[in-house]
Amino acid sequence: MWESMDLINRHMVLQVQNLNKNFDGITALDNFSCTVDEGEILGLFGPNGAGKSTLFNVITGFISCDSGKAIFRGKTLLKRSSDKISLMGISRTFQDLRLIRQMTVLENVMLAFHHQPGERLRNVFLRKRTSDRHEEKNREASLEMLEYSGIADKADQPAGNLSYGQQKLLSIVCCLASGAGLLLLDEPVAGINPGMIDKILSIIQELPEKGKSVIFIEHNIDAIMRVSHRAIFMDAGRKISEGLPETVRNDPKVIEAYLD
């Protein structure tokens, strides 16, 4: 279902330049810059309050920054609404997941698809056959994604009935259903059992083969080491260290600030 890509010929998909953000005198982002290449998995870690989720919120339009730039595939992201940014090809998860718990697992995935004909009232009456075909196609694609993720047997259950780890997995599947090329995953393996951690990390590791780029936030250093191509350590809104994951973990500045 997903297109493969040549990982050798990578191009920059995201460029963040000198972002600054303050909340009532507290610095959340301090001249922060980073890039993400096509097919790259960038791991982002640091203590609570380091600015990691603030960075995600700025990139995806949930909050504005005080200064700086964020460019996705040559187009500026700042001052665009979160829904417009989503349509540009960026999708994200949240620490609080934001699934519709009363709806089924399958319905949650189907809702994540963009440009559905049934969303327009005129199509419901004038192009019902086309709308029905499109919905059936999305249904089949959703079931295929749930099968790939190992929770197809939960498709008809309310999302709220899933375990916490399964809900985290479902939130990633919803990102995939959106068709986004850049996924921002906020603590995808925090607070879940080792078996589910392995499952989610395996899916994340395979995303570049499916044409996806990833930034993921984690406190789980082993997770960063296992799947990241590159890592950034943040503290107090600043980039303290950047490079290969093992190099960053062994950086004396990182050890002093976080790991010791």
C-alpha atoms as a PDB file:
ATOM      1  CA  MET A   1       0.000   0.000   0.000  1.00  0.00           C
ATOM      2  CA  TRP A   2       2.855   2.399   0.804  1.00  0.00           C
ATOM      3  CA  GLU A   3       5.519   3.439  -1.643  1.00  0.00           C
ATOM      4  CA  SER A   4       9.099   2.486  -0.923  1.00  0.00           C
ATOM      5  CA  MET A   5      11.877   5.014  -1.317  1.00  0.00           C
ATOM      6  CA  ASP A   6      15.583   5.091  -2.072  1.00  0.00           C
ATOM      7  CA  LEU A   7      17.209   5.933   1.251  1.00  0.00           C
ATOM      8  CA  ILE A   8      20.451   6.917  -0.472  1.00  0.00           C
ATOM      9  CA  ASN A   9      18.979   9.994  -2.179  1.00  0.00           C
ATOM     10  CA  ARG A  10      17.667  11.968   0.757  1.00  0.00           C
ATOM     11  CA  HIS A  11      16.468  15.559   0.682  1.00  0.00           C
ATOM     12  CA  MET A  12      15.718  17.904   3.551  1.00  0.00           C
ATOM     13  CA  VAL A  13      12.016  17.928   4.392  1.00  0.00           C
ATOM     14  CA  LEU A  14      12.008  20.149   7.490  1.00  0.00           C
ATOM     15  CA  GLN A  15      14.201  23.076   8.457  1.00  0.00           C
ATOM     16  CA  VAL A  16      13.754  24.813  11.812  1.00  0.00           C
ATOM     17  CA  GLN A  17      15.775  27.997  12.259  1.00  0.00           C
ATOM     18  CA  ASN A  18      16.393  29.972  15.453  1.00  0.00           C
ATOM     19  CA  LEU A  19      13.029  29.365  17.109  1.00  0.00           C
ATOM     20  CA  ASN A  20      12.357  31.330  20.284  1.00  0.00           C
ATOM     21  CA  LYS A  21       9.366  30.986  22.582  1.00  0.00           C
ATOM     22  CA  ASN A  22       8.747  32.408  26.052  1.00  0.00           C
ATOM     23  CA  PHE A  23       5.811  31.804  28.392  1.00  0.00           C
ATOM     24  CA  ASP A  24       5.483  34.580  30.977  1.00  0.00           C
ATOM     25  CA  GLY A  25       9.224  35.029  31.168  1.00  0.00           C
ATOM     26  CA  ILE A  26      10.032  31.295  31.076  1.00  0.00           C
ATOM     27  CA  THR A  27      12.118  30.282  28.074  1.00  0.00           C
ATOM     28  CA  ALA A  28      10.676  27.228  26.298  1.00  0.00           C
ATOM     29  CA  LEU A  29      12.697  27.510  23.072  1.00  0.00           C
ATOM     30  CA  ASP A  30      16.019  29.327  22.995  1.00  0.00           C
ATOM     31  CA  ASN A  31      17.324  29.960  19.465  1.00  0.00           C
ATOM     32  CA  PHE A  32      16.586  26.336  18.586  1.00  0.00           C
ATOM     33  CA  SER A  33      17.466  24.983  15.121  1.00  0.00           C
ATOM     34  CA  CYS A  34      17.323  21.531  13.535  1.00  0.00           C
ATOM     35  CA  THR A  35      16.695  19.756  10.233  1.00  0.00           C
ATOM     36  CA  VAL A  36      15.070  16.492   9.186  1.00  0.00           C
ATOM     37  CA  ASP A  37      15.945  14.678   5.976  1.00  0.00           C
ATOM     38  CA  GLU A  38      13.751  12.499   3.800  1.00  0.00           C
ATOM     39  CA  GLY A  39      13.556   9.046   5.345  1.00  0.00           C
ATOM     40  CA  GLU A  40      15.307  10.072   8.560  1.00  0.00           C
ATOM     41  CA  ILE A  41      14.350   9.217  12.129  1.00  0.00           C
ATOM     42  CA  LEU A  42      15.387  12.006  14.485  1.00  0.00           C
ATOM     43  CA  GLY A  43      15.258  11.228  18.207  1.00  0.00           C
ATOM     44  CA  LEU A  44      14.710  14.122  20.605  1.00  0.00           C
ATOM     45  CA  PHE A  45      15.315  13.751  24.331  1.00  0.00           C
ATOM     46  CA  GLY A  46      15.939  15.797  27.427  1.00  0.00           C
ATOM     47  CA  PRO A  47      14.502  16.463  30.899  1.00  0.00           C
ATOM     48  CA  ASN A  48      10.957  17.644  31.556  1.00  0.00           C
ATOM     49  CA  GLY A  49      10.589  21.287  30.583  1.00  0.00           C
ATOM     50  CA  ALA A  50      13.363  21.085  27.985  1.00  0.00           C
ATOM     51  CA  GLY A  51      11.052  22.441  25.253  1.00  0.00           C
ATOM     52  CA  LYS A  52      10.478  19.260  23.272  1.00  0.00           C
ATOM     53  CA  SER A  53       6.673  19.349  23.172  1.00  0.00           C
ATOM     54  CA  THR A  54       6.761  23.125  22.673  1.00  0.00           C
ATOM     55  CA  LEU A  55       8.818  22.502  19.535  1.00  0.00           C
ATOM     56  CA  PHE A  56       6.157  20.073  18.266  1.00  0.00           C
ATOM     57  CA  ASN A  57       3.403  22.567  19.073  1.00  0.00           C
ATOM     58  CA  VAL A  58       5.147  25.346  17.123  1.00  0.00           C
ATOM     59  CA  ILE A  59       5.860  23.138  14.094  1.00  0.00           C
ATOM     60  CA  THR A  60       2.249  21.930  13.945  1.00  0.00           C
ATOM     61  CA  GLY A  61       0.636  25.333  14.478  1.00  0.00           C
ATOM     62  CA  PHE A  62      -0.877  24.764  17.929  1.00  0.00           C
ATOM     63  CA  ILE A  63       1.091  27.677  19.351  1.00  0.00           C
ATOM     64  CA  SER A  64       2.969  30.574  17.759  1.00  0.00           C
ATOM     65  CA  CYS A  65       6.644  31.306  18.331  1.00  0.00           C
ATOM     66  CA  ASP A  66       8.167  34.677  19.208  1.00  0.00           C
ATOM     67  CA  SER A  67      10.716  34.533  16.389  1.00  0.00           C
ATOM     68  CA  GLY A  68      12.368  32.130  13.991  1.00  0.00           C
ATOM     69  CA  LYS A  69      11.421  30.041  10.980  1.00  0.00           C
ATOM     70  CA  ALA A  70      10.019  26.579  10.259  1.00  0.00           C
ATOM     71  CA  ILE A  71      10.015  25.423   6.637  1.00  0.00           C
ATOM     72  CA  PHE A  72       8.478  22.173   5.349  1.00  0.00           C
ATOM     73  CA  ARG A  73       9.281  21.126   1.786  1.00  0.00           C
ATOM     74  CA  GLY A  74      10.090  24.731   0.901  1.00  0.00           C
ATOM     75  CA  LYS A  75       6.943  26.239   2.459  1.00  0.00           C
ATOM     76  CA  THR A  76       6.804  28.195   5.698  1.00  0.00           C
ATOM     77  CA  LEU A  77       4.776  26.681   8.528  1.00  0.00           C
ATOM     78  CA  LEU A  78       4.596  29.606  10.905  1.00  0.00           C
ATOM     79  CA  LYS A  79       1.334  31.567  10.982  1.00  0.00           C
ATOM     80  CA  ARG A  80      -0.529  28.667   9.373  1.00  0.00           C
ATOM     81  CA  SER A  81      -3.348  26.947  11.257  1.00  0.00           C
ATOM     82  CA  SER A  82      -2.850  23.435  12.576  1.00  0.00           C
ATOM     83  CA  ASP A  83      -5.380  21.964  10.130  1.00  0.00           C
ATOM     84  CA  LYS A  84      -3.634  23.597   7.151  1.00  0.00           C
ATOM     85  CA  ILE A  85      -0.285  22.236   8.348  1.00  0.00           C
ATOM     86  CA  SER A  86      -1.828  18.779   8.635  1.00  0.00           C
ATOM     87  CA  LEU A  87      -3.037  18.997   5.041  1.00  0.00           C
ATOM     88  CA  MET A  88       0.506  19.946   3.981  1.00  0.00           C
ATOM     89  CA  GLY A  89       1.699  16.515   5.123  1.00  0.00           C
ATOM     90  CA  ILE A  90       2.636  16.708   8.813  1.00  0.00           C
ATOM     91  CA  SER A  91       0.869  14.527  11.373  1.00  0.00           C
ATOM     92  CA  ARG A  92       1.506  14.075  15.075  1.00  0.00           C
ATOM     93  CA  THR A  93       0.589  12.184  18.193  1.00  0.00           C
ATOM     94  CA  PHE A  94       0.041  13.706  21.624  1.00  0.00           C
ATOM     95  CA  GLN A  95       0.946  12.563  25.116  1.00  0.00           C
ATOM     96  CA  ASP A  96      -2.792  12.551  25.914  1.00  0.00           C
ATOM     97  CA  LEU A  97      -3.457  10.553  22.687  1.00  0.00           C
ATOM     98  CA  ARG A  98      -6.688  12.393  21.668  1.00  0.00           C
ATOM     99  CA  LEU A  99      -8.490   9.362  20.311  1.00  0.00           C
ATOM    100  CA  ILE A 100     -12.289   9.325  20.170  1.00  0.00           C
ATOM    101  CA  ARG A 101     -12.754   6.702  22.834  1.00  0.00           C
ATOM    102  CA  GLN A 102     -16.456   6.034  22.205  1.00  0.00           C
ATOM    103  CA  MET A 103     -15.897   5.279  18.506  1.00  0.00           C
ATOM    104  CA  THR A 104     -14.483   2.004  17.255  1.00  0.00           C
ATOM    105  CA  VAL A 105     -10.819   1.472  16.495  1.00  0.00           C
ATOM    106  CA  LEU A 106     -11.645   1.246  12.783  1.00  0.00           C
ATOM    107  CA  GLU A 107     -13.699   4.455  12.842  1.00  0.00           C
ATOM    108  CA  ASN A 108     -10.833   6.328  14.508  1.00  0.00           C
ATOM    109  CA  VAL A 109      -8.494   5.302  11.695  1.00  0.00           C
ATOM    110  CA  MET A 110     -10.994   6.125   8.955  1.00  0.00           C
ATOM    111  CA  LEU A 111     -11.540   9.594  10.398  1.00  0.00           C
ATOM    112  CA  ALA A 112      -7.833  10.321   9.979  1.00  0.00           C
ATOM    113  CA  PHE A 113      -7.986  10.192   6.159  1.00  0.00           C
ATOM    114  CA  HIS A 114      -7.918  13.572   4.419  1.00  0.00           C
ATOM    115  CA  HIS A 115     -10.118  14.749   1.521  1.00  0.00           C
ATOM    116  CA  GLN A 116     -13.033  12.386   2.072  1.00  0.00           C
ATOM    117  CA  PRO A 117     -15.914  13.022  -0.389  1.00  0.00           C
ATOM    118  CA  GLY A 118     -18.488  12.410   2.350  1.00  0.00           C
ATOM    119  CA  GLU A 119     -17.187  15.466   4.201  1.00  0.00           C
ATOM    120  CA  ARG A 120     -18.971  17.688   1.647  1.00  0.00           C
ATOM    121  CA  LEU A 121     -22.739  17.788   2.014  1.00  0.00           C
ATOM    122  CA  ARG A 122     -23.348  18.072  -1.736  1.00  0.00           C
ATOM    123  CA  ASN A 123     -21.464  14.812  -2.335  1.00  0.00           C
ATOM    124  CA  VAL A 124     -23.731  12.944   0.071  1.00  0.00           C
ATOM    125  CA  PHE A 125     -26.693  13.594  -2.250  1.00  0.00           C
ATOM    126  CA  LEU A 126     -25.183  14.153  -5.699  1.00  0.00           C
ATOM    127  CA  ARG A 127     -22.228  11.767  -5.725  1.00  0.00           C
ATOM    128  CA  LYS A 128     -23.249   9.125  -3.236  1.00  0.00           C
ATOM    129  CA  ARG A 129     -21.885   6.233  -5.299  1.00  0.00           C
ATOM    130  CA  THR A 130     -18.463   7.880  -5.601  1.00  0.00           C
ATOM    131  CA  SER A 131     -18.493   8.738  -1.906  1.00  0.00           C
ATOM    132  CA  ASP A 132     -19.427   5.153  -0.977  1.00  0.00           C
ATOM    133  CA  ARG A 133     -16.616   3.736  -3.134  1.00  0.00           C
ATOM    134  CA  HIS A 134     -14.110   6.125  -1.583  1.00  0.00           C
ATOM    135  CA  GLU A 135     -15.261   5.208   1.927  1.00  0.00           C
ATOM    136  CA  GLU A 136     -14.942   1.506   1.160  1.00  0.00           C
ATOM    137  CA  LYS A 137     -11.427   2.075  -0.167  1.00  0.00           C
ATOM    138  CA  ASN A 138     -10.510   3.911   3.054  1.00  0.00           C
ATOM    139  CA  ARG A 139     -12.053   1.107   5.086  1.00  0.00           C
ATOM    140  CA  GLU A 140      -9.932  -1.498   3.307  1.00  0.00           C
ATOM    141  CA  ALA A 141      -6.801   0.612   3.747  1.00  0.00           C
ATOM    142  CA  SER A 142      -7.612   1.118   7.442  1.00  0.00           C
ATOM    143  CA  LEU A 143      -8.033  -2.607   8.010  1.00  0.00           C
ATOM    144  CA  GLU A 144      -4.748  -3.245   6.228  1.00  0.00           C
ATOM    145  CA  MET A 145      -2.975  -0.783   8.552  1.00  0.00           C
ATOM    146  CA  LEU A 146      -4.579  -2.358  11.620  1.00  0.00           C
ATOM    147  CA  GLU A 147      -3.496  -5.788  10.388  1.00  0.00           C
ATOM    148  CA  TYR A 148       0.051  -4.511   9.894  1.00  0.00           C
ATOM    149  CA  SER A 149       0.083  -3.070  13.412  1.00  0.00           C
ATOM    150  CA  GLY A 150      -1.328  -6.230  14.980  1.00  0.00           C
ATOM    151  CA  ILE A 151      -4.637  -4.867  16.287  1.00  0.00           C
ATOM    152  CA  ALA A 152      -7.019  -5.786  13.445  1.00  0.00           C
ATOM    153  CA  ASP A 153      -8.889  -8.057  15.871  1.00  0.00           C
ATOM    154  CA  LYS A 154      -9.808  -4.917  17.843  1.00  0.00           C
ATOM    155  CA  ALA A 155     -11.247  -3.071  14.822  1.00  0.00           C
ATOM    156  CA  ASP A 156     -14.876  -3.168  15.997  1.00  0.00           C
ATOM    157  CA  GLN A 157     -14.160  -2.417  19.649  1.00  0.00           C
ATOM    158  CA  PRO A 158     -14.406   1.091  21.140  1.00  0.00           C
ATOM    159  CA  ALA A 159     -10.977   2.718  21.191  1.00  0.00           C
ATOM    160  CA  GLY A 160     -11.425   3.313  24.923  1.00  0.00           C
ATOM    161  CA  ASN A 161     -11.433  -0.459  25.507  1.00  0.00           C
ATOM    162  CA  LEU A 162      -7.856  -0.841  24.271  1.00  0.00           C
ATOM    163  CA  SER A 163      -4.933  -1.071  26.646  1.00  0.00           C
ATOM    164  CA  TYR A 164      -2.812   2.062  27.011  1.00  0.00           C
ATOM    165  CA  GLY A 165      -0.109   0.589  24.788  1.00  0.00           C
ATOM    166  CA  GLN A 166      -2.635  -0.386  22.123  1.00  0.00           C
ATOM    167  CA  GLN A 167      -4.066   3.140  22.213  1.00  0.00           C
ATOM    168  CA  LYS A 168      -0.581   4.538  21.597  1.00  0.00           C
ATOM    169  CA  LEU A 169      -0.204   2.143  18.690  1.00  0.00           C
ATOM    170  CA  LEU A 170      -3.610   3.213  17.326  1.00  0.00           C
ATOM    171  CA  SER A 171      -2.583   6.881  17.468  1.00  0.00           C
ATOM    172  CA  ILE A 172       0.416   6.063  15.240  1.00  0.00           C
ATOM    173  CA  VAL A 173      -1.840   4.167  12.823  1.00  0.00           C
ATOM    174  CA  CYS A 174      -4.062   7.268  12.630  1.00  0.00           C
ATOM    175  CA  CYS A 175      -0.995   9.322  11.696  1.00  0.00           C
ATOM    176  CA  LEU A 176      -0.262   6.868   8.902  1.00  0.00           C
ATOM    177  CA  ALA A 177      -3.861   7.043   7.683  1.00  0.00           C
ATOM    178  CA  SER A 178      -3.509  10.790   7.241  1.00  0.00           C
ATOM    179  CA  GLY A 179      -0.973  10.130   4.490  1.00  0.00           C
ATOM    180  CA  ALA A 180       1.537  12.524   6.068  1.00  0.00           C
ATOM    181  CA  GLY A 181       5.160  12.350   5.014  1.00  0.00           C
ATOM    182  CA  LEU A 182       6.481  13.711   8.323  1.00  0.00           C
ATOM    183  CA  LEU A 183       5.331  12.154  11.602  1.00  0.00           C
ATOM    184  CA  LEU A 184       5.930  13.821  14.973  1.00  0.00           C
ATOM    185  CA  LEU A 185       5.558  11.229  17.723  1.00  0.00           C
ATOM    186  CA  ASP A 186       5.375  12.499  21.297  1.00  0.00           C
ATOM    187  CA  GLU A 187       6.642   9.825  23.727  1.00  0.00           C
ATOM    188  CA  PRO A 188       5.297   6.858  21.713  1.00  0.00           C
ATOM    189  CA  VAL A 189       6.626   4.194  24.109  1.00  0.00           C
ATOM    190  CA  ALA A 190       6.331   5.943  27.489  1.00  0.00           C
ATOM    191  CA  GLY A 191       4.492   3.998  30.186  1.00  0.00           C
ATOM    192  CA  ILE A 192       3.861   0.779  28.240  1.00  0.00           C
ATOM    193  CA  ASN A 193       5.030  -2.818  28.620  1.00  0.00           C
ATOM    194  CA  PRO A 194       8.231  -4.134  26.978  1.00  0.00           C
ATOM    195  CA  GLY A 195       6.389  -6.241  24.400  1.00  0.00           C
ATOM    196  CA  MET A 196       4.420  -3.254  23.130  1.00  0.00           C
ATOM    197  CA  ILE A 197       7.577  -1.100  23.191  1.00  0.00           C
ATOM    198  CA  ASP A 198       9.226  -3.604  20.848  1.00  0.00           C
ATOM    199  CA  LYS A 199       6.178  -3.572  18.544  1.00  0.00           C
ATOM    200  CA  ILE A 200       5.969   0.214  18.323  1.00  0.00           C
ATOM    201  CA  LEU A 201       9.718   0.673  17.856  1.00  0.00           C
ATOM    202  CA  SER A 202       9.659  -1.942  15.085  1.00  0.00           C
ATOM    203  CA  ILE A 203       6.929   0.026  13.283  1.00  0.00           C
ATOM    204  CA  ILE A 204       8.809   3.316  13.728  1.00  0.00           C
ATOM    205  CA  GLN A 205      12.011   1.730  12.428  1.00  0.00           C
ATOM    206  CA  GLU A 206      10.217   0.616   9.248  1.00  0.00           C
ATOM    207  CA  LEU A 207       8.653   4.007   8.490  1.00  0.00           C
ATOM    208  CA  PRO A 208      11.515   5.305   6.291  1.00  0.00           C
ATOM    209  CA  GLU A 209      11.016   2.285   4.009  1.00  0.00           C
ATOM    210  CA  LYS A 210       7.420   3.484   3.581  1.00  0.00           C
ATOM    211  CA  GLY A 211       8.439   6.985   2.541  1.00  0.00           C
ATOM    212  CA  LYS A 212       8.087   8.589   5.976  1.00  0.00           C
ATOM    213  CA  SER A 213      10.332  10.885   7.999  1.00  0.00           C
ATOM    214  CA  VAL A 214      10.030  10.935  11.791  1.00  0.00           C
ATOM    215  CA  ILE A 215      10.829  13.085  14.795  1.00  0.00           C
ATOM    216  CA  PHE A 216      10.091  11.363  18.056  1.00  0.00           C
ATOM    217  CA  ILE A 217      10.359  12.550  21.631  1.00  0.00           C
ATOM    218  CA  GLU A 218      11.314  10.019  24.279  1.00  0.00           C
ATOM    219  CA  HIS A 219      12.645   9.809  27.800  1.00  0.00           C
ATOM    220  CA  ASN A 220      13.471   6.165  27.078  1.00  0.00           C
ATOM    221  CA  ILE A 221      17.130   6.501  26.054  1.00  0.00           C
ATOM    222  CA  ASP A 222      17.285   2.884  24.864  1.00  0.00           C
ATOM    223  CA  ALA A 223      14.455   3.625  22.417  1.00  0.00           C
ATOM    224  CA  ILE A 224      16.394   6.591  21.027  1.00  0.00           C
ATOM    225  CA  MET A 225      19.459   4.387  20.620  1.00  0.00           C
ATOM    226  CA  ARG A 226      17.543   1.581  18.906  1.00  0.00           C
ATOM    227  CA  VAL A 227      15.768   3.397  16.095  1.00  0.00           C
ATOM    228  CA  SER A 228      17.167   6.919  15.612  1.00  0.00           C
ATOM    229  CA  HIS A 229      19.513   7.791  12.779  1.00  0.00           C
ATOM    230  CA  ARG A 230      20.404  10.989  14.608  1.00  0.00           C
ATOM    231  CA  ALA A 231      19.668  12.379  18.058  1.00  0.00           C
ATOM    232  CA  ILE A 232      19.342  15.793  19.695  1.00  0.00           C
ATOM    233  CA  PHE A 233      19.537  16.437  23.425  1.00  0.00           C
ATOM    234  CA  MET A 234      17.633  19.510  24.636  1.00  0.00           C
ATOM    235  CA  ASP A 235      17.690  21.340  27.937  1.00  0.00           C
ATOM    236  CA  ALA A 236      16.032  24.646  28.902  1.00  0.00           C
ATOM    237  CA  GLY A 237      14.901  25.196  25.297  1.00  0.00           C
ATOM    238  CA  ARG A 238      18.413  24.878  23.876  1.00  0.00           C
ATOM    239  CA  LYS A 239      20.136  22.239  21.760  1.00  0.00           C
ATOM    240  CA  ILE A 240      22.929  20.887  23.957  1.00  0.00           C
ATOM    241  CA  SER A 241      24.207  18.096  21.733  1.00  0.00           C
ATOM    242  CA  GLU A 242      23.474  16.656  18.271  1.00  0.00           C
ATOM    243  CA  GLY A 243      24.853  13.746  16.277  1.00  0.00           C
ATOM    244  CA  LEU A 244      24.802   9.967  16.118  1.00  0.00           C
ATOM    245  CA  PRO A 245      22.729   8.619  19.042  1.00  0.00           C
ATOM    246  CA  GLU A 246      25.649   6.894  20.757  1.00  0.00           C
ATOM    247  CA  THR A 247      27.808  10.002  20.387  1.00  0.00           C
ATOM    248  CA  VAL A 248      25.119  12.199  21.944  1.00  0.00           C
ATOM    249  CA  ARG A 249      24.505   9.801  24.825  1.00  0.00           C
ATOM    250  CA  ASN A 250      28.223   9.817  25.650  1.00  0.00           C
ATOM    251  CA  ASP A 251      28.619  13.581  25.337  1.00  0.00           C
ATOM    252  CA  PRO A 252      29.959  14.889  28.690  1.00  0.00           C
ATOM    253  CA  LYS A 253      27.500  17.814  28.535  1.00  0.00           C
ATOM    254  CA  VAL A 254      24.594  15.358  28.223  1.00  0.00           C
ATOM    255  CA  ILE A 255      25.888  13.122  30.996  1.00  0.00           C
ATOM    256  CA  GLU A 256      26.261  16.112  33.278  1.00  0.00           C
ATOM    257  CA  ALA A 257      22.811  17.523  32.495  1.00  0.00           C
ATOM    258  CA  TYR A 258      20.707  14.391  32.349  1.00  0.00           C
ATOM    259  CA  LEU A 259      22.186  10.947  32.465  1.00  0.00           C
ATOM    260  CA  ASP A 260      24.519  10.967  35.439  1.00  0.00           C
END
